[in-house]
Protein backbone atom coordinates (compact mmCIF):
# COMPACT_ATOMS: atom_id res chain seq x y z
CA MET A 1 -33.16 39.71 52.35
CA SER A 2 -36.17 38.08 50.61
CA ASP A 3 -35.89 36.27 47.22
CA VAL A 4 -37.09 38.20 44.23
CA GLN A 5 -39.63 36.46 41.94
CA ASP A 6 -38.93 36.16 38.27
CA SER A 7 -40.90 38.74 36.17
CA PRO A 8 -39.46 38.80 32.71
CA PHE A 9 -41.81 41.48 31.50
CA LEU A 10 -41.01 43.80 34.33
CA GLY A 11 -37.22 43.07 33.71
CA VAL A 12 -37.53 43.95 30.17
CA MET A 13 -39.26 47.29 30.93
CA LEU A 14 -36.59 48.22 33.58
CA MET A 15 -33.93 47.44 30.97
CA LEU A 16 -35.73 49.55 28.33
CA ALA A 17 -35.87 52.44 30.85
CA PHE A 18 -32.01 52.05 31.51
CA CYS A 19 -31.37 52.28 27.69
CA ALA A 20 -33.40 55.27 27.48
CA MET A 21 -31.92 57.12 30.56
CA ILE A 22 -28.25 56.61 30.09
CA PRO A 23 -27.86 58.46 26.80
CA LEU A 24 -29.76 61.35 28.47
CA SER A 25 -27.25 61.30 31.26
CA ASP A 26 -24.47 61.32 28.65
CA ALA A 27 -26.15 64.22 26.93
CA LEU A 28 -26.17 66.32 30.04
CA GLY A 29 -22.46 65.31 30.54
CA LYS A 30 -21.70 66.55 26.97
CA ILE A 31 -23.38 69.91 27.61
CA LEU A 32 -21.60 70.37 30.98
CA GLY A 33 -18.29 69.38 29.39
CA ALA A 34 -18.26 72.41 27.35
CA THR A 35 -17.88 74.72 30.30
CA LEU A 36 -16.79 72.60 33.35
CA PRO A 37 -13.59 70.59 34.03
CA ILE A 38 -14.24 66.91 33.35
CA THR A 39 -12.91 65.75 36.64
CA LEU A 40 -15.32 67.90 38.50
CA ILE A 41 -18.15 66.50 36.54
CA VAL A 42 -17.12 62.87 37.33
CA PHE A 43 -16.68 63.87 41.05
CA ALA A 44 -20.20 65.26 41.22
CA ARG A 45 -21.49 62.17 39.54
CA LEU A 46 -19.89 59.87 41.89
CA VAL A 47 -20.81 61.89 45.08
CA VAL A 48 -24.44 61.69 44.21
CA GLN A 49 -24.12 58.02 43.39
CA MET A 50 -22.86 57.38 46.92
CA GLY A 51 -25.46 59.62 48.53
CA LEU A 52 -28.23 57.93 46.60
CA LEU A 53 -27.30 54.28 46.63
CA GLY A 54 -25.70 54.13 50.16
CA PRO A 55 -29.06 54.64 52.01
CA ILE A 56 -30.66 52.26 49.53
CA ALA A 57 -28.25 49.42 50.36
CA ARG A 58 -28.57 50.11 54.03
CA MET A 59 -32.44 50.01 53.86
CA ARG A 60 -31.91 46.55 52.09
CA GLY A 61 -29.70 45.34 54.97
CA GLU A 62 -26.48 45.39 52.84
CA THR A 63 -23.13 46.13 54.57
CA LEU A 64 -21.16 49.08 53.02
CA ILE A 65 -17.90 47.57 54.38
CA PRO A 66 -16.86 44.67 51.85
CA PRO A 67 -14.57 41.90 53.02
CA ARG A 68 -10.92 43.12 53.41
CA ARG A 69 -9.60 40.63 50.79
CA PHE A 70 -11.53 42.63 48.11
CA TRP A 71 -10.36 46.06 48.87
CA SER A 72 -7.26 46.08 46.42
CA ALA A 73 -9.67 44.85 43.67
CA ILE A 74 -12.14 47.47 44.58
CA LEU A 75 -9.48 50.24 44.38
CA LEU A 76 -8.48 49.16 41.02
CA ARG A 77 -12.07 48.73 39.79
CA THR A 78 -12.86 52.27 41.03
CA ALA A 79 -9.83 53.67 39.25
CA LEU A 80 -11.00 51.98 36.04
CA TYR A 81 -14.51 53.29 36.62
CA MET A 82 -13.16 56.88 37.03
CA VAL A 83 -10.94 56.78 34.00
CA GLY A 84 -13.67 55.24 31.89
CA ILE A 85 -16.31 57.89 32.68
CA SER A 86 -13.72 60.65 32.26
CA LEU A 87 -12.86 59.36 28.86
CA MET A 88 -16.48 59.11 27.88
CA PHE A 89 -17.23 62.68 28.91
CA THR A 90 -14.07 63.94 27.16
CA SER A 91 -15.02 62.15 23.94
CA LEU A 92 -18.46 63.78 24.08
CA ARG A 93 -16.72 67.20 23.75
CA TYR A 94 -15.69 66.34 20.28
CA LEU A 95 -18.06 63.44 18.90
CA PRO A 96 -21.68 63.38 18.42
CA LEU A 97 -23.48 61.39 21.16
CA ALA A 98 -24.58 58.49 18.99
CA ASP A 99 -21.22 58.02 17.45
CA ALA A 100 -19.48 57.99 20.75
CA VAL A 101 -21.99 55.37 22.30
CA ALA A 102 -21.68 53.13 19.16
CA ILE A 103 -17.94 53.16 19.23
CA ALA A 104 -17.96 52.20 22.83
CA PHE A 105 -20.07 49.17 22.09
CA VAL A 106 -16.95 47.51 20.84
CA MET A 107 -16.66 46.65 24.57
CA PRO A 108 -18.50 43.23 24.30
CA PHE A 109 -16.00 42.06 21.78
CA ILE A 110 -13.05 43.08 23.85
CA MET A 111 -14.65 41.43 26.82
CA LEU A 112 -14.91 38.16 24.85
CA LEU A 113 -11.26 38.25 23.82
CA LEU A 114 -10.16 39.26 27.36
CA GLY A 115 -12.06 36.48 28.89
CA HIS A 116 -10.41 33.97 26.67
CA PHE A 117 -6.87 35.17 27.34
CA PHE A 118 -7.33 36.10 31.17
CA LEU A 119 -9.96 33.69 32.41
CA ASN A 120 -9.39 30.71 29.95
CA GLU A 121 -12.91 31.08 28.60
CA GLU A 122 -13.58 29.07 25.44
CA ILE A 123 -14.48 30.95 22.26
CA GLY A 124 -15.05 29.27 18.89
CA PRO A 125 -14.06 30.50 15.42
CA ARG A 126 -17.55 31.90 14.74
CA ARG A 127 -17.39 34.28 17.69
CA ILE A 128 -13.91 35.22 16.77
CA ILE A 129 -15.19 36.12 13.24
CA ALA A 130 -18.06 38.00 14.71
CA CYS A 131 -15.58 39.95 16.88
CA ALA A 132 -13.64 40.89 13.69
CA VAL A 133 -16.79 41.94 11.93
CA GLY A 134 -17.70 44.03 15.04
CA PHE A 135 -14.39 45.77 14.98
CA VAL A 136 -14.86 46.52 11.29
CA GLY A 137 -18.22 48.02 12.07
CA THR A 138 -16.67 50.05 14.82
CA LEU A 139 -14.03 51.29 12.43
CA MET A 140 -16.80 52.42 10.03
CA VAL A 141 -18.27 54.51 12.76
CA ILE A 142 -14.85 55.93 13.85
CA GLN A 143 -13.77 56.93 10.21
CA PRO A 144 -15.90 59.97 9.74
CA SER A 145 -15.18 61.25 13.16
CA PHE A 146 -11.49 60.59 12.67
CA ALA A 147 -11.55 62.73 9.59
CA ALA A 148 -13.10 65.56 11.51
CA VAL A 149 -11.25 65.55 14.87
CA GLY A 150 -8.31 63.16 14.30
CA ALA A 151 -7.23 60.78 17.09
CA LEU A 152 -9.72 62.20 19.65
CA ALA A 153 -12.36 59.94 17.76
CA LEU A 154 -10.48 56.98 19.37
CA LEU A 155 -11.34 57.99 22.95
CA PRO A 156 -14.47 55.87 23.08
CA VAL A 157 -12.28 52.83 22.11
CA GLY A 158 -10.33 53.78 25.20
CA VAL A 159 -13.67 53.74 27.17
CA ALA A 160 -14.43 50.28 25.75
CA PHE A 161 -11.01 48.83 26.94
CA THR A 162 -11.32 50.40 30.28
CA PHE A 163 -14.64 49.19 31.06
CA ALA A 164 -13.90 45.82 29.60
CA PHE A 165 -11.20 45.44 32.42
CA PHE A 166 -13.64 46.97 34.84
CA MET A 167 -16.22 44.27 34.06
CA LEU A 168 -13.63 41.63 34.58
CA MET A 169 -12.87 43.01 38.01
CA THR A 170 -16.72 43.25 38.74
CA ARG A 171 -16.98 39.51 37.81
CA GLN A 172 -14.62 38.65 40.57
CA ILE A 173 -16.00 40.97 43.33
CA ALA A 174 -19.91 40.70 42.55
CA LYS A 175 -20.00 37.10 43.52
CA GLU A 176 -19.75 38.02 47.29
CA VAL A 177 -20.57 41.79 47.37
CA GLU A 178 -24.15 43.04 46.74
CA PRO A 179 -24.22 45.14 43.58
CA ILE A 180 -26.00 48.23 45.13
CA ALA A 181 -23.64 48.34 47.96
CA LEU A 182 -20.65 47.88 45.59
CA GLN A 183 -21.82 50.85 43.50
CA ALA A 184 -22.24 52.98 46.74
CA VAL A 185 -18.80 52.11 48.04
CA THR A 186 -17.39 52.74 44.47
CA GLY A 187 -18.74 56.25 44.76
CA ALA A 188 -17.31 56.85 48.13
CA VAL A 189 -13.86 55.49 47.21
CA ALA A 190 -13.90 57.60 44.02
CA ALA A 191 -14.87 60.76 45.70
CA GLY A 192 -11.95 60.11 48.28
CA MET A 193 -9.49 59.64 45.37
CA LEU A 194 -10.77 62.61 43.27
CA LEU A 195 -10.99 65.15 46.22
CA PRO A 196 -7.04 65.57 46.60
CA LEU A 197 -6.61 65.49 42.87
CA LEU A 198 -9.05 68.40 42.44
CA ALA A 199 -7.47 70.28 45.36
CA ILE A 200 -4.04 69.98 43.80
CA GLY A 201 -5.18 70.65 40.29
CA THR A 202 -6.87 73.80 41.56
CA ILE A 203 -3.60 75.02 43.15
CA LEU A 204 -1.49 74.27 40.08
CA GLY A 205 -4.11 75.46 37.55
CA TRP A 206 -4.75 72.23 35.67
CA SER A 207 -7.55 72.99 33.35
CA ASP A 208 -9.53 69.76 33.61
CA PHE A 209 -8.42 68.74 37.16
CA ARG A 210 -9.64 71.59 39.36
CA PHE A 211 -12.57 73.04 41.12
CA ALA A 212 -14.59 75.62 39.38
CA SER A 213 -17.48 78.05 40.02
CA VAL A 214 -20.69 76.34 38.94
CA SER A 215 -23.91 78.43 37.77
CA GLY A 216 -27.25 77.61 39.26
CA ASN A 217 -28.15 75.94 35.92
CA GLU A 218 -24.96 74.02 35.79
CA ALA A 219 -25.58 72.79 39.43
CA TRP A 220 -29.06 71.56 38.38
CA MET A 221 -27.90 69.76 35.36
CA LEU A 222 -25.00 68.15 37.40
CA LEU A 223 -27.40 66.91 39.99
CA ILE A 224 -29.97 65.69 37.34
CA MET A 225 -27.31 63.80 35.38
CA ALA A 226 -25.98 62.08 38.52
CA ILE A 227 -29.52 61.07 39.56
CA ILE A 228 -30.35 59.75 36.15
CA GLY A 229 -27.16 57.79 35.77
CA SER A 230 -27.41 56.27 39.27
CA VAL A 231 -31.08 55.44 39.01
CA ALA A 232 -30.63 53.92 35.45
CA HIS A 233 -27.95 51.53 36.88
CA LEU A 234 -30.09 50.76 39.82
CA LEU A 235 -32.91 49.77 37.26
CA MET A 236 -30.48 47.62 35.32
CA THR A 237 -29.42 45.95 38.44
CA TRP A 238 -33.18 45.09 39.26
CA SER A 239 -33.81 43.98 35.72
CA LEU A 240 -31.03 41.35 35.98
CA ARG A 241 -32.61 40.01 39.03
CA LEU A 242 -36.13 39.80 37.41
CA ALA A 243 -35.26 38.46 33.84
CA PRO A 244 -32.59 36.13 32.47
CA SER A 245 -29.51 37.92 31.19
CA ALA A 246 -29.93 36.16 27.87
CA THR A 247 -33.33 37.91 27.42
CA LEU A 248 -31.92 41.32 28.48
CA ALA A 249 -28.51 41.40 26.78
CA PRO A 250 -29.74 42.01 23.33
CA MET A 251 -31.80 44.80 24.50
CA GLN A 252 -28.87 46.97 25.84
CA TYR A 253 -28.05 47.55 22.10
CA LEU A 254 -31.32 49.77 22.11
CA GLU A 255 -29.08 52.34 23.78
CA ILE A 256 -27.59 53.34 20.47
CA PRO A 257 -30.95 54.30 18.73
CA PHE A 258 -32.06 56.08 21.84
CA ALA A 259 -28.63 57.95 21.83
CA THR A 260 -29.26 58.78 18.19
CA VAL A 261 -32.79 60.27 18.90
CA ILE A 262 -31.52 62.18 21.90
CA GLY A 263 -28.51 63.36 20.10
CA TYR A 264 -30.60 64.76 17.24
CA LEU A 265 -33.28 66.32 19.53
CA ILE A 266 -30.60 67.97 21.75
CA PHE A 267 -27.75 68.67 19.36
CA ARG A 268 -29.14 68.19 15.92
CA ASP A 269 -26.42 65.43 15.33
CA LEU A 270 -26.91 62.44 13.16
CA PRO A 271 -24.49 59.69 12.13
CA ASN A 272 -23.48 60.11 8.48
CA GLY A 273 -24.05 57.21 5.93
CA LEU A 274 -20.89 55.27 6.63
CA ALA A 275 -21.34 55.65 10.48
CA ALA A 276 -24.96 54.50 10.16
CA VAL A 277 -23.85 51.44 8.35
CA GLY A 278 -21.16 50.75 10.76
CA ILE A 279 -23.58 50.95 13.70
CA VAL A 280 -25.84 48.35 12.06
CA VAL A 281 -22.83 46.04 11.56
CA THR A 282 -21.69 46.52 15.05
CA ILE A 283 -25.02 45.69 16.46
CA SER A 284 -25.60 42.66 14.10
CA ALA A 285 -22.21 41.26 15.33
CA GLY A 286 -22.99 41.84 18.92
CA LEU A 287 -26.33 40.16 18.58
CA TYR A 288 -24.81 37.18 17.05
CA ILE A 289 -22.35 36.68 19.81
CA ILE A 290 -25.16 37.06 22.33
CA ALA A 291 -27.05 34.36 20.36
CA ARG A 292 -24.01 32.11 20.41
CA GLU A 293 -23.60 32.54 24.22
CA ARG A 294 -27.22 31.69 24.72
CA ARG A 295 -26.57 28.27 22.89
CA ALA A 296 -23.46 27.61 24.90
CA PRO A 297 -23.75 24.53 27.16
CA SER A 298 -22.36 26.43 30.20
CA PRO A 299 -23.73 29.85 30.49
CA ALA A 300 -22.03 32.39 32.74
CA PRO A 301 -23.76 33.70 35.70
CA GLN A 302 -26.24 36.36 35.13
CA ALA A 303 -24.27 39.19 36.54
CA ALA A 304 -21.27 38.36 34.49
CA ALA A 305 -23.08 37.31 31.31
CA SER A 306 -24.74 40.56 30.50
CA PRO A 307 -22.54 43.18 28.99
CA ALA A 308 -22.68 46.44 30.75
CA ALA A 309 -23.67 49.49 28.88
CA PRO A 310 -20.31 51.12 27.83
CA GLY A 311 -21.70 54.78 27.74
CA ASP A 312 -21.70 54.97 31.52
CA PRO A 313 -21.38 51.78 33.53
CA GLY A 314 -21.94 53.63 36.88
């Protein structure tokens, strides 16, 4: 495999495309979640991911059989991946798109704390304060939704915790497994896990864990949602190969305004005053942490340093 030349401008453009595409994929998931079982939507998403990225990985000369010592970690990572996507799509049944995405952006703060406690990474008092401020901003976004739908407003926090652990697992695996091949394998393993669950759920009549008839329009939306999500993360992967993560990480917060615009255009949803202020606080705290990371004497490797988009890491 040939080395990729640095091209910061192209990397920035690819990350910008990622930030615009992921909320659109989530919006389609929100529409589909109103009529289809969540597990079926996740299953379709991951099957298409496998079918799309598997051939790309093979064309790049990447193996689709990871080293045996990583299989237990890949199984756990895949389980976290499925749970995170399922929680996100479930939250979108009840919350505006922008609110759900903004709440899930508490993940970088959680990752910073988990890195300290599980990986012995050093964090100073300023970053701890920034984490606290970020949590306050998240609570400001949650409050209006909590008043409207109750504890269901906390689902994106579950997304953030799940994907924070998912990213910690990814840090350990991605050092020796190519990212495109890893995502293709994740799709295959997830499909294998979900297929028997859907079969059992269909027999037992579980509402969100079953196969269901899909209309022509729903089938097209499922396909488009899965392609957009898979391509978006492929673009993010390439952006990280073309530009430094310190340049790209702040751009990921553009996902929130993109989600706001898409949510308004499709659902006529806008964050209220308190939630809007909370979004600004969360973004500001996150950008401060990124700035501190850029000034750290021993920055993390690119693949680990850039926070994944919490809306859909797939």
